[in-house]
Amino acid sequence: MVTPAVRPRPVPPPRPAPARVPDGCPLTASELAVLAAAAAGEISQETAARLHLSYETIRTARRRARTRLRARTPEQAVAIAAAAGWITVPAPAPRTAR
């Protein structure tokens, strides 16, 4: 009897170390990372690919951040976190004339 060849499992890339959460911040490091990505204009799929997480994990982090900050919209959650100094919002790119 021939035994089937065993394929080794692919090793996933290492996840980035969680950032330090500022004192007094009610959010987790992953929630802050997701809000910072949203502030930079990333969509959930891009954030999921960059952080090697599932799309649903990113959606959950955004929802929980919104709930913890008592924000009604994701944009309001980003504004609250930026106003508190927990994340930085990049300056918008200058528009070019057509």
PDB file of N, CA and C in Angstrom:
ATOM      1  N   MET A   1       0.853  -1.175   0.000  1.00  0.00           N
ATOM      2  CA  MET A   1       0.000   0.000   0.000  1.00  0.00           C
ATOM      3  C   MET A   1       0.895   1.232   0.000  1.00  0.00           C
ATOM      4  N   VAL A   2       0.551   2.182  -0.836  1.00  0.00           N
ATOM      5  CA  VAL A   2       1.329   3.412  -0.954  1.00  0.00           C
ATOM      6  C   VAL A   2       0.674   4.480  -0.079  1.00  0.00           C
ATOM      7  N   THR A   3       1.482   5.127   0.724  1.00  0.00           N
ATOM      8  CA  THR A   3       0.936   6.190   1.575  1.00  0.00           C
ATOM      9  C   THR A   3       0.928   7.500   0.792  1.00  0.00           C
ATOM     10  N   PRO A   4      -0.107   8.262   0.970  1.00  0.00           N
ATOM     11  CA  PRO A   4      -0.174   9.524   0.230  1.00  0.00           C
ATOM     12  C   PRO A   4       0.887  10.504   0.743  1.00  0.00           C
ATOM     13  N   ALA A   5       1.354  11.336  -0.149  1.00  0.00           N
ATOM     14  CA  ALA A   5       2.340  12.341   0.229  1.00  0.00           C
ATOM     15  C   ALA A   5       1.664  13.398   1.103  1.00  0.00           C
ATOM     16  N   VAL A   6       2.348  13.781   2.116  1.00  0.00           N
ATOM     17  CA  VAL A   6       1.813  14.791   3.025  1.00  0.00           C
ATOM     18  C   VAL A   6       2.421  16.136   2.652  1.00  0.00           C
ATOM     19  N   ARG A   7       1.549  17.053   2.362  1.00  0.00           N
ATOM     20  CA  ARG A   7       2.022  18.391   2.014  1.00  0.00           C
ATOM     21  C   ARG A   7       2.141  19.229   3.284  1.00  0.00           C
ATOM     22  N   PRO A   8       3.232  19.946   3.421  1.00  0.00           N
ATOM     23  CA  PRO A   8       3.325  20.823   4.589  1.00  0.00           C
ATOM     24  C   PRO A   8       2.351  21.988   4.450  1.00  0.00           C
ATOM     25  N   ARG A   9       1.827  22.427   5.558  1.00  0.00           N
ATOM     26  CA  ARG A   9       0.913  23.559   5.559  1.00  0.00           C
ATOM     27  C   ARG A   9       1.685  24.833   5.273  1.00  0.00           C
ATOM     28  N   PRO A  10       1.117  25.726   4.494  1.00  0.00           N
ATOM     29  CA  PRO A  10       1.810  26.995   4.271  1.00  0.00           C
ATOM     30  C   PRO A  10       1.850  27.804   5.568  1.00  0.00           C
ATOM     31  N   VAL A  11       2.957  28.444   5.790  1.00  0.00           N
ATOM     32  CA  VAL A  11       3.119  29.245   7.004  1.00  0.00           C
ATOM     33  C   VAL A  11       2.626  30.655   6.705  1.00  0.00           C
ATOM     34  N   PRO A  12       1.647  31.139   7.484  1.00  0.00           N
ATOM     35  CA  PRO A  12       1.159  32.489   7.228  1.00  0.00           C
ATOM     36  C   PRO A  12       2.218  33.523   7.616  1.00  0.00           C
ATOM     37  N   PRO A  13       2.185  34.680   6.970  1.00  0.00           N
ATOM     38  CA  PRO A  13       3.162  35.713   7.329  1.00  0.00           C
ATOM     39  C   PRO A  13       2.908  36.196   8.754  1.00  0.00           C
ATOM     40  N   PRO A  14       3.942  36.665   9.436  1.00  0.00           N
ATOM     41  CA  PRO A  14       3.739  37.110  10.811  1.00  0.00           C
ATOM     42  C   PRO A  14       2.872  38.357  10.859  1.00  0.00           C
ATOM     43  N   ARG A  15       2.056  38.437  11.875  1.00  0.00           N
ATOM     44  CA  ARG A  15       1.204  39.607  12.058  1.00  0.00           C
ATOM     45  C   ARG A  15       2.021  40.710  12.722  1.00  0.00           C
ATOM     46  N   PRO A  16       1.710  41.957  12.405  1.00  0.00           N
ATOM     47  CA  PRO A  16       2.447  43.032  13.053  1.00  0.00           C
ATOM     48  C   PRO A  16       2.144  43.062  14.550  1.00  0.00           C
ATOM     49  N   ALA A  17       3.146  43.449  15.322  1.00  0.00           N
ATOM     50  CA  ALA A  17       2.951  43.530  16.772  1.00  0.00           C
ATOM     51  C   ALA A  17       1.914  44.602  17.081  1.00  0.00           C
ATOM     52  N   PRO A  18       1.028  44.341  18.026  1.00  0.00           N
ATOM     53  CA  PRO A  18       0.019  45.346  18.343  1.00  0.00           C
ATOM     54  C   PRO A  18       0.678  46.602  18.901  1.00  0.00           C
ATOM     55  N   ALA A  19       0.155  47.719  18.456  1.00  0.00           N
ATOM     56  CA  ALA A  19       0.687  48.998  18.929  1.00  0.00           C
ATOM     57  C   ALA A  19       0.243  49.232  20.367  1.00  0.00           C
ATOM     58  N   ARG A  20       0.983  50.073  21.036  1.00  0.00           N
ATOM     59  CA  ARG A  20       0.639  50.421  22.415  1.00  0.00           C
ATOM     60  C   ARG A  20      -0.606  51.297  22.395  1.00  0.00           C
ATOM     61  N   VAL A  21      -1.560  50.997  23.244  1.00  0.00           N
ATOM     62  CA  VAL A  21      -2.800  51.764  23.324  1.00  0.00           C
ATOM     63  C   VAL A  21      -2.570  52.938  24.274  1.00  0.00           C
ATOM     64  N   PRO A  22      -2.893  54.165  23.848  1.00  0.00           N
ATOM     65  CA  PRO A  22      -2.701  55.316  24.728  1.00  0.00           C
ATOM     66  C   PRO A  22      -3.531  55.200  26.005  1.00  0.00           C
ATOM     67  N   ASP A  23      -3.041  55.804  27.067  1.00  0.00           N
ATOM     68  CA  ASP A  23      -3.767  55.791  28.335  1.00  0.00           C
ATOM     69  C   ASP A  23      -5.120  56.477  28.168  1.00  0.00           C
ATOM     70  N   GLY A  24      -6.133  55.898  28.756  1.00  0.00           N
ATOM     71  CA  GLY A  24      -7.471  56.463  28.707  1.00  0.00           C
ATOM     72  C   GLY A  24      -8.246  56.124  27.449  1.00  0.00           C
ATOM     73  N   CYS A  25      -7.644  55.400  26.540  1.00  0.00           N
ATOM     74  CA  CYS A  25      -8.309  55.026  25.295  1.00  0.00           C
ATOM     75  C   CYS A  25      -9.136  53.757  25.527  1.00  0.00           C
ATOM     76  N   PRO A  26     -10.423  53.794  25.222  1.00  0.00           N
ATOM     77  CA  PRO A  26     -11.255  52.615  25.449  1.00  0.00           C
ATOM     78  C   PRO A  26     -11.131  51.558  24.357  1.00  0.00           C
ATOM     79  N   LEU A  27     -10.371  51.843  23.298  1.00  0.00           N
ATOM     80  CA  LEU A  27     -10.270  50.928  22.164  1.00  0.00           C
ATOM     81  C   LEU A  27      -9.078  49.993  22.294  1.00  0.00           C
ATOM     82  N   THR A  28      -9.165  48.854  21.623  1.00  0.00           N
ATOM     83  CA  THR A  28      -8.045  47.921  21.571  1.00  0.00           C
ATOM     84  C   THR A  28      -7.080  48.368  20.474  1.00  0.00           C
ATOM     85  N   ALA A  29      -5.900  47.772  20.459  1.00  0.00           N
ATOM     86  CA  ALA A  29      -4.908  48.119  19.440  1.00  0.00           C
ATOM     87  C   ALA A  29      -5.421  47.816  18.038  1.00  0.00           C
ATOM     88  N   SER A  30      -6.138  46.708  17.877  1.00  0.00           N
ATOM     89  CA  SER A  30      -6.649  46.372  16.546  1.00  0.00           C
ATOM     90  C   SER A  30      -7.753  47.340  16.122  1.00  0.00           C
ATOM     91  N   GLU A  31      -8.591  47.761  17.056  1.00  0.00           N
ATOM     92  CA  GLU A  31      -9.630  48.739  16.722  1.00  0.00           C
ATOM     93  C   GLU A  31      -9.006  50.070  16.315  1.00  0.00           C
ATOM     94  N   LEU A  32      -7.938  50.471  16.998  1.00  0.00           N
ATOM     95  CA  LEU A  32      -7.237  51.700  16.626  1.00  0.00           C
ATOM     96  C   LEU A  32      -6.612  51.574  15.242  1.00  0.00           C
ATOM     97  N   ALA A  33      -6.023  50.415  14.955  1.00  0.00           N
ATOM     98  CA  ALA A  33      -5.399  50.200  13.648  1.00  0.00           C
ATOM     99  C   ALA A  33      -6.438  50.266  12.533  1.00  0.00           C
ATOM    100  N   VAL A  34      -7.602  49.704  12.772  1.00  0.00           N
ATOM    101  CA  VAL A  34      -8.660  49.711  11.767  1.00  0.00           C
ATOM    102  C   VAL A  34      -9.192  51.130  11.563  1.00  0.00           C
ATOM    103  N   LEU A  35      -9.360  51.893  12.642  1.00  0.00           N
ATOM    104  CA  LEU A  35      -9.818  53.273  12.506  1.00  0.00           C
ATOM    105  C   LEU A  35      -8.779  54.127  11.788  1.00  0.00           C
ATOM    106  N   ALA A  36      -7.502  53.911  12.107  1.00  0.00           N
ATOM    107  CA  ALA A  36      -6.436  54.662  11.434  1.00  0.00           C
ATOM    108  C   ALA A  36      -6.418  54.349   9.944  1.00  0.00           C
ATOM    109  N   ALA A  37      -6.656  53.102   9.591  1.00  0.00           N
ATOM    110  CA  ALA A  37      -6.714  52.720   8.176  1.00  0.00           C
ATOM    111  C   ALA A  37      -7.908  53.375   7.496  1.00  0.00           C
ATOM    112  N   ALA A  38      -9.035  53.439   8.187  1.00  0.00           N
ATOM    113  CA  ALA A  38     -10.214  54.099   7.626  1.00  0.00           C
ATOM    114  C   ALA A  38      -9.950  55.588   7.448  1.00  0.00           C
ATOM    115  N   ALA A  39      -9.240  56.184   8.403  1.00  0.00           N
ATOM    116  CA  ALA A  39      -8.909  57.604   8.303  1.00  0.00           C
ATOM    117  C   ALA A  39      -7.999  57.867   7.107  1.00  0.00           C
ATOM    118  N   ALA A  40      -7.163  56.899   6.773  1.00  0.00           N
ATOM    119  CA  ALA A  40      -6.252  57.037   5.640  1.00  0.00           C
ATOM    120  C   ALA A  40      -6.943  56.748   4.303  1.00  0.00           C
ATOM    121  N   GLY A  41      -8.212  56.343   4.362  1.00  0.00           N
ATOM    122  CA  GLY A  41      -8.970  56.108   3.141  1.00  0.00           C
ATOM    123  C   GLY A  41      -8.992  54.673   2.659  1.00  0.00           C
ATOM    124  N   GLU A  42      -8.471  53.747   3.470  1.00  0.00           N
ATOM    125  CA  GLU A  42      -8.501  52.332   3.076  1.00  0.00           C
ATOM    126  C   GLU A  42      -9.908  51.772   3.236  1.00  0.00           C
ATOM    127  N   ILE A  43     -10.285  50.882   2.328  1.00  0.00           N
ATOM    128  CA  ILE A  43     -11.543  50.170   2.492  1.00  0.00           C
ATOM    129  C   ILE A  43     -11.254  48.892   3.287  1.00  0.00           C
ATOM    130  N   SER A  44     -12.298  48.273   3.784  1.00  0.00           N
ATOM    131  CA  SER A  44     -12.136  47.108   4.664  1.00  0.00           C
ATOM    132  C   SER A  44     -11.347  45.977   4.020  1.00  0.00           C
ATOM    133  N   GLN A  45     -11.569  45.715   2.740  1.00  0.00           N
ATOM    134  CA  GLN A  45     -10.855  44.638   2.058  1.00  0.00           C
ATOM    135  C   GLN A  45      -9.356  44.922   2.016  1.00  0.00           C
ATOM    136  N   GLU A  46      -8.975  46.166   1.776  1.00  0.00           N
ATOM    137  CA  GLU A  46      -7.555  46.534   1.749  1.00  0.00           C
ATOM    138  C   GLU A  46      -6.928  46.384   3.129  1.00  0.00           C
ATOM    139  N   THR A  47      -7.645  46.818   4.151  1.00  0.00           N
ATOM    140  CA  THR A  47      -7.151  46.698   5.515  1.00  0.00           C
ATOM    141  C   THR A  47      -6.988  45.232   5.899  1.00  0.00           C
ATOM    142  N   ALA A  48      -7.955  44.415   5.534  1.00  0.00           N
ATOM    143  CA  ALA A  48      -7.887  42.984   5.842  1.00  0.00           C
ATOM    144  C   ALA A  48      -6.679  42.344   5.182  1.00  0.00           C
ATOM    145  N   ALA A  49      -6.431  42.682   3.932  1.00  0.00           N
ATOM    146  CA  ALA A  49      -5.287  42.101   3.219  1.00  0.00           C
ATOM    147  C   ALA A  49      -3.970  42.574   3.834  1.00  0.00           C
ATOM    148  N   ARG A  50      -3.887  43.856   4.177  1.00  0.00           N
ATOM    149  CA  ARG A  50      -2.642  44.400   4.718  1.00  0.00           C
ATOM    150  C   ARG A  50      -2.330  43.833   6.103  1.00  0.00           C
ATOM    151  N   LEU A  51      -3.356  43.652   6.936  1.00  0.00           N
ATOM    152  CA  LEU A  51      -3.151  43.153   8.298  1.00  0.00           C
ATOM    153  C   LEU A  51      -3.238  41.630   8.393  1.00  0.00           C
ATOM    154  N   HIS A  52      -3.501  40.961   7.257  1.00  0.00           N
ATOM    155  CA  HIS A  52      -3.629  39.499   7.227  1.00  0.00           C
ATOM    156  C   HIS A  52      -4.731  39.024   8.167  1.00  0.00           C
ATOM    157  N   LEU A  53      -5.866  39.720   8.092  1.00  0.00           N
ATOM    158  CA  LEU A  53      -7.045  39.364   8.870  1.00  0.00           C
ATOM    159  C   LEU A  53      -8.204  39.163   7.900  1.00  0.00           C
ATOM    160  N   SER A  54      -9.279  38.576   8.383  1.00  0.00           N
ATOM    161  CA  SER A  54     -10.437  38.387   7.520  1.00  0.00           C
ATOM    162  C   SER A  54     -11.239  39.689   7.437  1.00  0.00           C
ATOM    163  N   TYR A  55     -12.009  39.777   6.386  1.00  0.00           N
ATOM    164  CA  TYR A  55     -12.890  40.938   6.186  1.00  0.00           C
ATOM    165  C   TYR A  55     -13.850  41.083   7.361  1.00  0.00           C
ATOM    166  N   GLU A  56     -14.388  39.970   7.840  1.00  0.00           N
ATOM    167  CA  GLU A  56     -15.337  40.010   8.963  1.00  0.00           C
ATOM    168  C   GLU A  56     -14.670  40.522  10.246  1.00  0.00           C
ATOM    169  N   THR A  57     -13.400  40.190  10.456  1.00  0.00           N
ATOM    170  CA  THR A  57     -12.679  40.685  11.621  1.00  0.00           C
ATOM    171  C   THR A  57     -12.555  42.200  11.563  1.00  0.00           C
ATOM    172  N   ILE A  58     -12.288  42.731  10.381  1.00  0.00           N
ATOM    173  CA  ILE A  58     -12.182  44.178  10.208  1.00  0.00           C
ATOM    174  C   ILE A  58     -13.533  44.833  10.454  1.00  0.00           C
ATOM    175  N   ARG A  59     -14.592  44.255   9.921  1.00  0.00           N
ATOM    176  CA  ARG A  59     -15.942  44.795  10.143  1.00  0.00           C
ATOM    177  C   ARG A  59     -16.292  44.796  11.625  1.00  0.00           C
ATOM    178  N   THR A  60     -15.928  43.726  12.321  1.00  0.00           N
ATOM    179  CA  THR A  60     -16.213  43.642  13.748  1.00  0.00           C
ATOM    180  C   THR A  60     -15.433  44.701  14.522  1.00  0.00           C
ATOM    181  N   ALA A  61     -14.178  44.899  14.170  1.00  0.00           N
ATOM    182  CA  ALA A  61     -13.362  45.911  14.860  1.00  0.00           C
ATOM    183  C   ALA A  61     -13.942  47.305  14.644  1.00  0.00           C
ATOM    184  N   ARG A  62     -14.384  47.597  13.432  1.00  0.00           N
ATOM    185  CA  ARG A  62     -15.004  48.903  13.177  1.00  0.00           C
ATOM    186  C   ARG A  62     -16.291  49.065  13.976  1.00  0.00           C
ATOM    187  N   ARG A  63     -17.109  48.032  13.996  1.00  0.00           N
ATOM    188  CA  ARG A  63     -18.381  48.098  14.728  1.00  0.00           C
ATOM    189  C   ARG A  63     -18.147  48.280  16.217  1.00  0.00           C
ATOM    190  N   ARG A  64     -17.197  47.522  16.781  1.00  0.00           N
ATOM    191  CA  ARG A  64     -16.917  47.632  18.210  1.00  0.00           C
ATOM    192  C   ARG A  64     -16.334  48.996  18.568  1.00  0.00           C
ATOM    193  N   ALA A  65     -15.482  49.524  17.702  1.00  0.00           N
ATOM    194  CA  ALA A  65     -14.924  50.854  17.939  1.00  0.00           C
ATOM    195  C   ALA A  65     -16.042  51.893  17.940  1.00  0.00           C
ATOM    196  N   ARG A  66     -16.951  51.763  16.984  1.00  0.00           N
ATOM    197  CA  ARG A  66     -18.081  52.690  16.925  1.00  0.00           C
ATOM    198  C   ARG A  66     -18.936  52.598  18.186  1.00  0.00           C
ATOM    199  N   THR A  67     -19.167  51.383  18.664  1.00  0.00           N
ATOM    200  CA  THR A  67     -19.973  51.185  19.858  1.00  0.00           C
ATOM    201  C   THR A  67     -19.278  51.751  21.090  1.00  0.00           C
ATOM    202  N   ARG A  68     -17.989  51.472  21.239  1.00  0.00           N
ATOM    203  CA  ARG A  68     -17.255  51.942  22.417  1.00  0.00           C
ATOM    204  C   ARG A  68     -17.142  53.464  22.469  1.00  0.00           C
ATOM    205  N   LEU A  69     -17.084  54.083  21.298  1.00  0.00           N
ATOM    206  CA  LEU A  69     -16.974  55.537  21.242  1.00  0.00           C
ATOM    207  C   LEU A  69     -18.345  56.222  21.189  1.00  0.00           C
ATOM    208  N   ARG A  70     -19.399  55.423  21.150  1.00  0.00           N
ATOM    209  CA  ARG A  70     -20.779  55.906  21.068  1.00  0.00           C
ATOM    210  C   ARG A  70     -20.975  56.788  19.837  1.00  0.00           C
ATOM    211  N   ALA A  71     -20.363  56.362  18.747  1.00  0.00           N
ATOM    212  CA  ALA A  71     -20.479  57.080  17.480  1.00  0.00           C
ATOM    213  C   ALA A  71     -21.589  56.466  16.649  1.00  0.00           C
ATOM    214  N   ARG A  72     -22.264  57.290  15.883  1.00  0.00           N
ATOM    215  CA  ARG A  72     -23.342  56.783  15.035  1.00  0.00           C
ATOM    216  C   ARG A  72     -22.838  56.268  13.697  1.00  0.00           C
ATOM    217  N   THR A  73     -21.725  56.822  13.224  1.00  0.00           N
ATOM    218  CA  THR A  73     -21.183  56.425  11.923  1.00  0.00           C
ATOM    219  C   THR A  73     -19.696  56.132  12.060  1.00  0.00           C
ATOM    220  N   PRO A  74     -19.130  55.388  11.112  1.00  0.00           N
ATOM    221  CA  PRO A  74     -17.681  55.157  11.141  1.00  0.00           C
ATOM    222  C   PRO A  74     -16.886  56.456  11.034  1.00  0.00           C
ATOM    223  N   GLU A  75     -17.405  57.406  10.264  1.00  0.00           N
ATOM    224  CA  GLU A  75     -16.727  58.693  10.124  1.00  0.00           C
ATOM    225  C   GLU A  75     -16.679  59.432  11.455  1.00  0.00           C
ATOM    226  N   GLN A  76     -17.764  59.341  12.219  1.00  0.00           N
ATOM    227  CA  GLN A  76     -17.805  59.983  13.524  1.00  0.00           C
ATOM    228  C   GLN A  76     -16.834  59.305  14.485  1.00  0.00           C
ATOM    229  N   ALA A  77     -16.691  57.988  14.401  1.00  0.00           N
ATOM    230  CA  ALA A  77     -15.735  57.274  15.250  1.00  0.00           C
ATOM    231  C   ALA A  77     -14.312  57.714  14.935  1.00  0.00           C
ATOM    232  N   VAL A  78     -13.995  57.881  13.650  1.00  0.00           N
ATOM    233  CA  VAL A  78     -12.664  58.362  13.259  1.00  0.00           C
ATOM    234  C   VAL A  78     -12.451  59.768  13.803  1.00  0.00           C
ATOM    235  N   ALA A  79     -13.460  60.626  13.692  1.00  0.00           N
ATOM    236  CA  ALA A  79     -13.341  62.007  14.174  1.00  0.00           C
ATOM    237  C   ALA A  79     -13.134  62.051  15.687  1.00  0.00           C
ATOM    238  N   ILE A  80     -13.832  61.216  16.427  1.00  0.00           N
ATOM    239  CA  ILE A  80     -13.687  61.178  17.887  1.00  0.00           C
ATOM    240  C   ILE A  80     -12.286  60.716  18.260  1.00  0.00           C
ATOM    241  N   ALA A  81     -11.813  59.642  17.616  1.00  0.00           N
ATOM    242  CA  ALA A  81     -10.480  59.115  17.917  1.00  0.00           C
ATOM    243  C   ALA A  81      -9.389  60.119  17.542  1.00  0.00           C
ATOM    244  N   ALA A  82      -9.578  60.826  16.431  1.00  0.00           N
ATOM    245  CA  ALA A  82      -8.588  61.828  16.010  1.00  0.00           C
ATOM    246  C   ALA A  82      -8.591  63.022  16.958  1.00  0.00           C
ATOM    247  N   ALA A  83      -9.766  63.460  17.380  1.00  0.00           N
ATOM    248  CA  ALA A  83      -9.866  64.601  18.296  1.00  0.00           C
ATOM    249  C   ALA A  83      -9.235  64.285  19.649  1.00  0.00           C
ATOM    250  N   ALA A  84      -9.315  63.015  20.055  1.00  0.00           N
ATOM    251  CA  ALA A  84      -8.718  62.604  21.333  1.00  0.00           C
ATOM    252  C   ALA A  84      -7.215  62.381  21.206  1.00  0.00           C
ATOM    253  N   GLY A  85      -6.703  62.365  19.969  1.00  0.00           N
ATOM    254  CA  GLY A  85      -5.276  62.166  19.752  1.00  0.00           C
ATOM    255  C   GLY A  85      -4.847  60.710  19.722  1.00  0.00           C
ATOM    256  N   TRP A  86      -5.802  59.796  19.568  1.00  0.00           N
ATOM    257  CA  TRP A  86      -5.481  58.369  19.553  1.00  0.00           C
ATOM    258  C   TRP A  86      -5.009  57.909  18.185  1.00  0.00           C
ATOM    259  N   ILE A  87      -5.466  58.590  17.126  1.00  0.00           N
ATOM    260  CA  ILE A  87      -5.010  58.300  15.768  1.00  0.00           C
ATOM    261  C   ILE A  87      -4.707  59.622  15.083  1.00  0.00           C
ATOM    262  N   THR A  88      -3.944  59.558  14.009  1.00  0.00           N
ATOM    263  CA  THR A  88      -3.694  60.755  13.218  1.00  0.00           C
ATOM    264  C   THR A  88      -4.358  60.586  11.862  1.00  0.00           C
ATOM    265  N   VAL A  89      -4.955  61.654  11.417  1.00  0.00           N
ATOM    266  CA  VAL A  89      -5.628  61.649  10.125  1.00  0.00           C
ATOM    267  C   VAL A  89      -4.691  62.319   9.134  1.00  0.00           C
ATOM    268  N   PRO A  90      -4.302  61.608   8.077  1.00  0.00           N
ATOM    269  CA  PRO A  90      -3.393  62.219   7.097  1.00  0.00           C
ATOM    270  C   PRO A  90      -4.073  63.369   6.366  1.00  0.00           C
ATOM    271  N   ALA A  91      -3.257  64.335   5.962  1.00  0.00           N
ATOM    272  CA  ALA A  91      -3.784  65.470   5.205  1.00  0.00           C
ATOM    273  C   ALA A  91      -4.249  64.985   3.842  1.00  0.00           C
ATOM    274  N   PRO A  92      -5.325  65.561   3.331  1.00  0.00           N
ATOM    275  CA  PRO A  92      -5.790  65.134   2.020  1.00  0.00           C
ATOM    276  C   PRO A  92      -4.788  65.509   0.946  1.00  0.00           C
ATOM    277  N   ALA A  93      -4.720  64.702  -0.084  1.00  0.00           N
ATOM    278  CA  ALA A  93      -3.799  64.964  -1.192  1.00  0.00           C
ATOM    279  C   ALA A  93      -4.288  66.185  -1.963  1.00  0.00           C
ATOM    280  N   PRO A  94      -3.368  67.012  -2.389  1.00  0.00           N
ATOM    281  CA  PRO A  94      -3.779  68.199  -3.148  1.00  0.00           C
ATOM    282  C   PRO A  94      -4.400  67.799  -4.482  1.00  0.00           C
ATOM    283  N   ARG A  95      -5.401  68.525  -4.888  1.00  0.00           N
ATOM    284  CA  ARG A  95      -6.053  68.256  -6.166  1.00  0.00           C
ATOM    285  C   ARG A  95      -5.287  68.928  -7.278  1.00  0.00           C
ATOM    286  N   THR A  96      -5.242  68.264  -8.400  1.00  0.00           N
ATOM    287  CA  THR A  96      -4.561  68.845  -9.548  1.00  0.00           C
ATOM    288  C   THR A  96      -5.598  69.409 -10.504  1.00  0.00           C
ATOM    289  N   ALA A  97      -5.235  70.482 -11.178  1.00  0.00           N
ATOM    290  CA  ALA A  97      -6.138  71.090 -12.136  1.00  0.00           C
ATOM    291  C   ALA A  97      -6.211  70.234 -13.389  1.00  0.00           C
ATOM    292  N   ARG A  98      -7.352  70.195 -14.005  1.00  0.00           N
ATOM    293  CA  ARG A  98      -7.532  69.397 -15.222  1.00  0.00           C
ATOM    294  C   ARG A  98      -7.170  70.170 -16.434  1.00  0.00           C
TER     295      ARG A  98
END
